[in-house]
C-alpha atoms as a PDB file:
ATOM      1  CA  MET A   1     -93.047  48.860 -24.052  1.00  0.00           C
ATOM      2  CA  PRO A   2     -90.027  48.178 -21.791  1.00  0.00           C
ATOM      3  CA  PRO A   3     -90.735  47.876 -18.049  1.00  0.00           C
ATOM      4  CA  PRO A   4     -90.332  51.137 -16.111  1.00  0.00           C
ATOM      5  CA  ILE A   5     -87.155  51.722 -14.146  1.00  0.00           C
ATOM      6  CA  ARG A   6     -87.691  50.838 -10.499  1.00  0.00           C
ATOM      7  CA  SER A   7     -87.984  53.878  -8.235  1.00  0.00           C
ATOM      8  CA  GLU A   8     -85.016  52.850  -6.070  1.00  0.00           C
ATOM      9  CA  TYR A   9     -82.792  52.686  -9.167  1.00  0.00           C
ATOM     10  CA  LYS A  10     -83.958  56.135 -10.220  1.00  0.00           C
ATOM     11  CA  ARG A  11     -83.111  57.499  -6.784  1.00  0.00           C
ATOM     12  CA  LEU A  12     -79.659  55.917  -7.010  1.00  0.00           C
ATOM     13  CA  ILE A  13     -79.076  57.464 -10.434  1.00  0.00           C
ATOM     14  CA  TYR A  14     -80.073  60.911  -9.198  1.00  0.00           C
ATOM     15  CA  PHE A  15     -77.942  60.500  -6.076  1.00  0.00           C
ATOM     16  CA  LEU A  16     -74.858  59.626  -8.124  1.00  0.00           C
ATOM     17  CA  SER A  17     -75.450  62.426 -10.635  1.00  0.00           C
ATOM     18  CA  TRP A  18     -76.271  65.066  -7.996  1.00  0.00           C
ATOM     19  CA  PRO A  19     -72.777  66.704  -7.984  1.00  0.00           C
ATOM     20  CA  PHE A  20     -72.871  67.035 -11.785  1.00  0.00           C
ATOM     21  CA  HIS A  21     -76.413  68.458 -11.673  1.00  0.00           C
ATOM     22  CA  LYS A  22     -75.327  70.991  -9.068  1.00  0.00           C
ATOM     23  CA  MET A  23     -72.204  72.042 -10.950  1.00  0.00           C
ATOM     24  CA  ASN A  24     -74.075  72.350 -14.239  1.00  0.00           C
ATOM     25  CA  GLY A  25     -76.763  74.503 -12.613  1.00  0.00           C
ATOM     26  CA  TYR A  26     -74.134  76.676 -10.936  1.00  0.00           C
ATOM     27  CA  LEU A  27     -72.250  77.248 -14.184  1.00  0.00           C
ATOM     28  CA  TYR A  28     -75.420  78.042 -16.108  1.00  0.00           C
ATOM     29  CA  ARG A  29     -76.597  80.518 -13.488  1.00  0.00           C
ATOM     30  CA  HIS A  30     -73.322  82.414 -13.365  1.00  0.00           C
ATOM     31  CA  LEU A  31     -72.240  82.198 -16.997  1.00  0.00           C
ATOM     32  CA  ARG A  32     -75.290  81.817 -19.211  1.00  0.00           C
ATOM     33  CA  SER A  33     -78.565  82.648 -17.492  1.00  0.00           C
ATOM     34  CA  PRO A  34     -80.287  85.667 -19.052  1.00  0.00           C
ATOM     35  CA  ARG A  35     -80.530  88.982 -17.245  1.00  0.00           C
ATOM     36  CA  ALA A  36     -82.624  90.862 -19.813  1.00  0.00           C
ATOM     37  CA  GLY A  37     -85.576  90.276 -22.120  1.00  0.00           C
ATOM     38  CA  VAL A  38     -88.646  88.119 -21.560  1.00  0.00           C
ATOM     39  CA  VAL A  39     -87.577  84.871 -19.908  1.00  0.00           C
ATOM     40  CA  LYS A  40     -89.974  81.912 -19.835  1.00  0.00           C
ATOM     41  CA  VAL A  41     -88.919  78.740 -18.023  1.00  0.00           C
ATOM     42  CA  GLN A  42     -90.422  75.273 -18.153  1.00  0.00           C
ATOM     43  CA  VAL A  43     -89.589  72.840 -15.351  1.00  0.00           C
ATOM     44  CA  GLY A  44     -89.550  69.199 -16.467  1.00  0.00           C
ATOM     45  CA  PRO A  45     -90.624  68.989 -20.135  1.00  0.00           C
ATOM     46  CA  GLY A  46     -89.912  65.271 -20.252  1.00  0.00           C
ATOM     47  CA  LYS A  47     -90.049  63.552 -23.641  1.00  0.00           C
ATOM     48  CA  ARG A  48     -92.923  65.301 -25.393  1.00  0.00           C
ATOM     49  CA  SER A  49     -93.448  68.833 -24.093  1.00  0.00           C
ATOM     50  CA  TYR A  50     -90.351  70.791 -25.101  1.00  0.00           C
ATOM     51  CA  PHE A  51     -91.349  74.454 -25.668  1.00  0.00           C
ATOM     52  CA  LYS A  52     -89.407  76.332 -28.341  1.00  0.00           C
ATOM     53  CA  GLY A  53     -88.452  79.834 -27.284  1.00  0.00           C
ATOM     54  CA  TRP A  54     -88.505  78.865 -23.611  1.00  0.00           C
ATOM     55  CA  ILE A  55     -85.699  77.671 -21.327  1.00  0.00           C
ATOM     56  CA  ASN A  56     -86.516  74.027 -20.612  1.00  0.00           C
ATOM     57  CA  LEU A  57     -85.054  72.450 -17.465  1.00  0.00           C
ATOM     58  CA  ASP A  58     -84.984  68.717 -16.782  1.00  0.00           C
ATOM     59  CA  GLY A  59     -83.202  66.284 -14.501  1.00  0.00           C
ATOM     60  CA  ASN A  60     -82.941  63.622 -17.202  1.00  0.00           C
ATOM     61  CA  MET A  61     -81.060  64.579 -20.343  1.00  0.00           C
ATOM     62  CA  PHE A  62     -81.050  61.015 -21.663  1.00  0.00           C
ATOM     63  CA  THR A  63     -84.766  60.337 -22.176  1.00  0.00           C
ATOM     64  CA  GLY A  64     -86.007  63.934 -21.871  1.00  0.00           C
ATOM     65  CA  THR A  65     -85.435  66.995 -24.029  1.00  0.00           C
ATOM     66  CA  CYS A  66     -83.999  69.996 -22.234  1.00  0.00           C
ATOM     67  CA  ASP A  67     -81.819  73.079 -22.540  1.00  0.00           C
ATOM     68  CA  VAL A  68     -80.377  72.873 -19.041  1.00  0.00           C
ATOM     69  CA  TRP A  69     -79.709  69.673 -17.076  1.00  0.00           C
ATOM     70  CA  VAL A  70     -80.503  70.291 -13.404  1.00  0.00           C
ATOM     71  CA  ASN A  71     -81.823  68.582 -10.289  1.00  0.00           C
ATOM     72  CA  PHE A  72     -84.902  70.350  -8.897  1.00  0.00           C
ATOM     73  CA  HIS A  73     -83.832  69.625  -5.336  1.00  0.00           C
ATOM     74  CA  ASN A  74     -81.108  72.211  -5.992  1.00  0.00           C
ATOM     75  CA  PRO A  75     -81.741  75.950  -6.498  1.00  0.00           C
ATOM     76  CA  LEU A  76     -83.079  76.927  -9.907  1.00  0.00           C
ATOM     77  CA  PRO A  77     -80.199  78.110 -12.140  1.00  0.00           C
ATOM     78  CA  PHE A  78     -81.315  81.741 -12.460  1.00  0.00           C
ATOM     79  CA  HIS A  79     -80.499  85.046 -10.817  1.00  0.00           C
ATOM     80  CA  ASP A  80     -82.933  86.570  -8.351  1.00  0.00           C
ATOM     81  CA  ALA A  81     -85.858  88.413  -9.980  1.00  0.00           C
ATOM     82  CA  SER A  82     -84.768  87.527 -13.542  1.00  0.00           C
ATOM     83  CA  VAL A  83     -87.607  85.328 -14.877  1.00  0.00           C
ATOM     84  CA  ASP A  84     -91.014  86.395 -16.230  1.00  0.00           C
ATOM     85  CA  LEU A  85     -92.808  83.033 -16.181  1.00  0.00           C
ATOM     86  CA  VAL A  86     -92.208  79.645 -14.571  1.00  0.00           C
ATOM     87  CA  TYR A  87     -94.282  76.694 -15.755  1.00  0.00           C
ATOM     88  CA  SER A  88     -94.101  73.412 -13.848  1.00  0.00           C
ATOM     89  CA  PHE A  89     -96.524  70.661 -14.855  1.00  0.00           C
ATOM     90  CA  MET A  90     -96.707  67.282 -13.086  1.00  0.00           C
ATOM     91  CA  VAL A  91     -93.330  67.756 -11.412  1.00  0.00           C
ATOM     92  CA  ILE A  92     -93.942  68.959  -7.875  1.00  0.00           C
ATOM     93  CA  GLU A  93     -95.528  65.690  -6.716  1.00  0.00           C
ATOM     94  CA  HIS A  94     -92.177  63.961  -7.417  1.00  0.00           C
ATOM     95  CA  LEU A  95     -90.159  66.307  -5.174  1.00  0.00           C
ATOM     96  CA  ARG A  96     -89.192  65.718  -1.559  1.00  0.00           C
ATOM     97  CA  ASP A  97     -89.774  69.367  -0.607  1.00  0.00           C
ATOM     98  CA  PRO A  98     -92.610  71.134  -2.465  1.00  0.00           C
ATOM     99  CA  PHE A  99     -92.116  74.216  -0.276  1.00  0.00           C
ATOM    100  CA  PHE A 100     -88.577  74.626  -1.601  1.00  0.00           C
ATOM    101  CA  HIS A 101     -89.863  74.403  -5.198  1.00  0.00           C
ATOM    102  CA  PHE A 102     -92.259  77.294  -4.597  1.00  0.00           C
ATOM    103  CA  GLN A 103     -89.613  79.286  -2.732  1.00  0.00           C
ATOM    104  CA  GLU A 104     -87.229  78.978  -5.668  1.00  0.00           C
ATOM    105  CA  ILE A 105     -89.951  79.999  -8.119  1.00  0.00           C
ATOM    106  CA  TYR A 106     -90.701  83.058  -5.987  1.00  0.00           C
ATOM    107  CA  ARG A 107     -87.005  83.930  -5.802  1.00  0.00           C
ATOM    108  CA  VAL A 108     -86.336  83.856  -9.541  1.00  0.00           C
ATOM    109  CA  LEU A 109     -89.560  85.601 -10.637  1.00  0.00           C
ATOM    110  CA  LYS A 110     -89.458  89.298 -11.421  1.00  0.00           C
ATOM    111  CA  PRO A 111     -91.988  91.498  -9.620  1.00  0.00           C
ATOM    112  CA  GLY A 112     -95.172  90.910 -11.609  1.00  0.00           C
ATOM    113  CA  GLY A 113     -93.838  87.549 -12.827  1.00  0.00           C
ATOM    114  CA  VAL A 114     -96.199  84.600 -13.224  1.00  0.00           C
ATOM    115  CA  PHE A 115     -96.158  80.944 -12.217  1.00  0.00           C
ATOM    116  CA  ARG A 116     -98.384  78.063 -13.350  1.00  0.00           C
ATOM    117  CA  ILE A 117     -98.005  74.741 -11.520  1.00  0.00           C
ATOM    118  CA  GLY A 118     -99.945  71.590 -12.368  1.00  0.00           C
ATOM    119  CA  ALA A 119    -100.236  68.464 -10.232  1.00  0.00           C
ATOM    120  CA  PRO A 120    -102.412  65.355  -9.832  1.00  0.00           C
ATOM    121  CA  ASN A 121    -105.854  66.366  -8.582  1.00  0.00           C
ATOM    122  CA  ALA A 122    -106.002  64.669  -5.193  1.00  0.00           C
ATOM    123  CA  ASP A 123    -109.172  66.615  -4.327  1.00  0.00           C
ATOM    124  CA  THR A 124    -111.105  64.907  -7.116  1.00  0.00           C
ATOM    125  CA  ALA A 125    -109.450  61.536  -6.406  1.00  0.00           C
ATOM    126  CA  ILE A 126    -110.597  61.697  -2.771  1.00  0.00           C
ATOM    127  CA  LYS A 127    -114.100  62.714  -3.882  1.00  0.00           C
ATOM    128  CA  LYS A 128    -114.304  59.828  -6.348  1.00  0.00           C
ATOM    129  CA  TYR A 129    -113.009  57.373  -3.756  1.00  0.00           C
ATOM    130  CA  VAL A 130    -115.692  58.473  -1.276  1.00  0.00           C
ATOM    131  CA  GLU A 131    -118.329  58.180  -4.029  1.00  0.00           C
ATOM    132  CA  GLY A 132    -117.115  54.667  -4.848  1.00  0.00           C
ATOM    133  CA  ASP A 133    -116.517  55.605  -8.500  1.00  0.00           C
ATOM    134  CA  LYS A 134    -114.009  53.003  -9.709  1.00  0.00           C
ATOM    135  CA  GLU A 135    -114.497  54.017 -13.339  1.00  0.00           C
ATOM    136  CA  TRP A 136    -112.903  57.418 -12.816  1.00  0.00           C
ATOM    137  CA  PHE A 137    -109.498  55.966 -11.938  1.00  0.00           C
ATOM    138  CA  TRP A 138    -107.067  54.840 -14.609  1.00  0.00           C
ATOM    139  CA  ASP A 139    -104.928  51.677 -14.698  1.00  0.00           C
ATOM    140  CA  PHE A 140    -101.583  53.462 -14.592  1.00  0.00           C
ATOM    141  CA  PRO A 141     -98.957  52.514 -13.648  1.00  0.00           C
ATOM    142  CA  ASP A 142    -100.499  49.172 -12.582  1.00  0.00           C
ATOM    143  CA  LYS A 143    -103.842  47.526 -13.221  1.00  0.00           C
ATOM    144  CA  ARG A 144    -105.807  47.303  -9.983  1.00  0.00           C
ATOM    145  CA  GLU A 145    -109.280  45.843  -9.416  1.00  0.00           C
ATOM    146  CA  SER A 146    -110.253  47.266  -6.027  1.00  0.00           C
ATOM    147  CA  LEU A 147    -111.270  50.866  -5.411  1.00  0.00           C
ATOM    148  CA  GLY A 148    -108.597  51.166  -2.747  1.00  0.00           C
ATOM    149  CA  GLY A 149    -105.992  49.761  -5.119  1.00  0.00           C
ATOM    150  CA  LYS A 150    -106.969  52.221  -7.826  1.00  0.00           C
ATOM    151  CA  PHE A 151    -106.840  55.086  -5.319  1.00  0.00           C
ATOM    152  CA  ASN A 152    -103.399  53.964  -4.143  1.00  0.00           C
ATOM    153  CA  ASN A 153    -102.291  53.760  -7.778  1.00  0.00           C
ATOM    154  CA  PHE A 154    -103.353  57.358  -8.413  1.00  0.00           C
ATOM    155  CA  ILE A 155    -101.941  58.874  -5.236  1.00  0.00           C
ATOM    156  CA  PHE A 156     -98.572  57.108  -5.017  1.00  0.00           C
ATOM    157  CA  CYS A 157     -97.934  55.973  -8.617  1.00  0.00           C
ATOM    158  CA  ARG A 158     -95.605  53.114  -7.636  1.00  0.00           C
ATOM    159  CA  GLU A 159     -93.642  55.333  -5.208  1.00  0.00           C
ATOM    160  CA  GLU A 160     -93.048  57.988  -7.865  1.00  0.00           C
ATOM    161  CA  HIS A 161     -95.245  60.540  -6.063  1.00  0.00           C
ATOM    162  CA  LEU A 162     -93.969  61.926  -2.775  1.00  0.00           C
ATOM    163  CA  SER A 163     -96.775  64.406  -2.039  1.00  0.00           C
ATOM    164  CA  ILE A 164    -100.579  64.299  -2.077  1.00  0.00           C
ATOM    165  CA  THR A 165    -101.343  67.448  -4.041  1.00  0.00           C
ATOM    166  CA  THR A 166    -104.609  68.927  -2.864  1.00  0.00           C
ATOM    167  CA  TYR A 167    -105.291  72.525  -3.832  1.00  0.00           C
ATOM    168  CA  ASP A 168    -105.090  73.820  -0.272  1.00  0.00           C
ATOM    169  CA  PHE A 169    -101.644  72.240   0.137  1.00  0.00           C
ATOM    170  CA  LEU A 170    -100.400  73.846  -3.086  1.00  0.00           C
ATOM    171  CA  GLU A 171    -101.854  77.158  -1.907  1.00  0.00           C
ATOM    172  CA  GLU A 172    -100.086  76.770   1.437  1.00  0.00           C
ATOM    173  CA  CYS A 173     -96.781  76.213  -0.380  1.00  0.00           C
ATOM    174  CA  ALA A 174     -97.342  79.354  -2.453  1.00  0.00           C
ATOM    175  CA  LEU A 175     -98.308  81.489   0.550  1.00  0.00           C
ATOM    176  CA  ARG A 176     -95.312  80.324   2.562  1.00  0.00           C
ATOM    177  CA  ALA A 177     -93.024  81.199  -0.365  1.00  0.00           C
ATOM    178  CA  GLY A 178     -94.267  84.804  -0.305  1.00  0.00           C
ATOM    179  CA  PHE A 179     -97.098  84.943  -2.844  1.00  0.00           C
ATOM    180  CA  LYS A 180    -100.224  86.769  -1.680  1.00  0.00           C
ATOM    181  CA  LYS A 181    -103.543  84.952  -1.370  1.00  0.00           C
ATOM    182  CA  GLU A 182    -105.335  87.446  -3.613  1.00  0.00           C
ATOM    183  CA  ASP A 183    -102.780  86.767  -6.385  1.00  0.00           C
ATOM    184  CA  ILE A 184    -103.369  82.962  -6.402  1.00  0.00           C
ATOM    185  CA  ARG A 185    -106.167  80.988  -8.028  1.00  0.00           C
ATOM    186  CA  LEU A 186    -107.142  77.455  -9.018  1.00  0.00           C
ATOM    187  CA  CYS A 187    -107.434  76.704 -12.746  1.00  0.00           C
ATOM    188  CA  ARG A 188    -108.633  73.707 -14.697  1.00  0.00           C
ATOM    189  CA  THR A 189    -105.933  71.982 -16.705  1.00  0.00           C
ATOM    190  CA  GLY A 190    -105.874  72.870 -20.372  1.00  0.00           C
ATOM    191  CA  LEU A 191    -108.740  75.332 -20.192  1.00  0.00           C
ATOM    192  CA  ASP A 192    -108.245  78.617 -18.427  1.00  0.00           C
ATOM    193  CA  THR A 193    -105.492  81.005 -17.487  1.00  0.00           C
ATOM    194  CA  ARG A 194    -105.421  84.518 -16.075  1.00  0.00           C
ATOM    195  CA  PHE A 195    -102.388  85.294 -18.208  1.00  0.00           C
ATOM    196  CA  PRO A 196    -103.158  84.521 -21.876  1.00  0.00           C
ATOM    197  CA  GLU A 197    -100.610  87.114 -22.967  1.00  0.00           C
ATOM    198  CA  MET A 198     -97.893  85.035 -21.286  1.00  0.00           C
ATOM    199  CA  ILE A 199     -99.139  81.434 -21.537  1.00  0.00           C
ATOM    200  CA  GLU A 200     -99.586  80.448 -25.178  1.00  0.00           C
ATOM    201  CA  PRO A 201    -102.398  78.138 -26.393  1.00  0.00           C
ATOM    202  CA  PHE A 202     -99.903  75.366 -27.177  1.00  0.00           C
ATOM    203  CA  VAL A 203     -98.985  75.262 -23.479  1.00  0.00           C
ATOM    204  CA  LEU A 204    -102.595  74.693 -22.459  1.00  0.00           C
ATOM    205  CA  ALA A 205    -102.951  72.088 -25.218  1.00  0.00           C
ATOM    206  CA  THR A 206    -100.281  69.909 -23.580  1.00  0.00           C
ATOM    207  CA  GLU A 207    -102.462  69.706 -20.455  1.00  0.00           C
ATOM    208  CA  TYR A 208    -105.480  68.207 -22.246  1.00  0.00           C
ATOM    209  CA  GLU A 209    -107.480  65.591 -20.347  1.00  0.00           C
ATOM    210  CA  GLY A 210    -110.525  63.591 -21.322  1.00  0.00           C
ATOM    211  CA  ASP A 211    -112.629  64.215 -18.208  1.00  0.00           C
ATOM    212  CA  ARG A 212    -113.259  67.958 -18.106  1.00  0.00           C
ATOM    213  CA  GLU A 213    -115.877  67.845 -15.358  1.00  0.00           C
ATOM    214  CA  ASN A 214    -113.713  65.798 -12.993  1.00  0.00           C
ATOM    215  CA  PRO A 215    -110.137  66.480 -14.126  1.00  0.00           C
ATOM    216  CA  TYR A 216    -107.245  64.198 -13.222  1.00  0.00           C
ATOM    217  CA  GLY A 217    -105.006  67.214 -12.721  1.00  0.00           C
ATOM    218  CA  HIS A 218    -105.416  70.740 -11.474  1.00  0.00           C
ATOM    219  CA  VAL A 219    -103.391  73.924 -11.793  1.00  0.00           C
ATOM    220  CA  ILE A 220    -102.511  76.688  -9.382  1.00  0.00           C
ATOM    221  CA  GLU A 221    -101.591  80.032 -10.940  1.00  0.00           C
ATOM    222  CA  GLY A 222    -100.201  83.110  -9.329  1.00  0.00           C
ATOM    223  CA  GLN A 223     -98.294  86.307  -9.745  1.00  0.00           C
ATOM    224  CA  LYS A 224     -95.491  87.825  -7.686  1.00  0.00           C
ATOM    225  CA  ALA A 225     -96.609  91.163  -6.335  1.00  0.00           C
ATOM    226  CA  ALA A 226     -95.100  94.190  -8.043  1.00  0.00           C
ATOM    227  CA  GLU A 227     -92.771  96.217  -5.876  1.00  0.00           C
END
């Protein structure tokens, strides 16, 4: 396996491509984005999780698979209140401004529209660190021997992660964006959803993790209040 691209090089690449991302998103929003029908959007499918029948957005069109090439620090390329479902899995922790991500999701969702956002489970990581459970932590992206090193590995992922994603922080982001507390809930990755009519089984299957009792990721789901 080739060595990963250093984080500073990635940031340089995204900085240089930012004008093209912005223009592409602008053109898609005004010329191609759907205004009718059921619209399901995935943010950041990466290499393996492209969903057929959805609109897949990604910032990397070279190693990822996407329908629209955009930078998630820019507005999402959709009209206000035009999307039925936004799915964002293991993306928000890489963004400088998680609040903006939630605000954009709220903006593009139709009244009654649904979001599902997955992120690294910092709540469980903190619990396992306090318990001294070194076995829970993985050796990605670097092999570490100490408990503190393993915890650092999980939280910061070689400077790839910019936010510590506890559930209460994700909830705060959702509330500030405009979602109501009674319309938000915590879900376990790959297992449960309040919206099975919208979120197909193959979506949940992509979230599978080995440790079901102490998951490495968690999911916040919510619905935009109907007008």
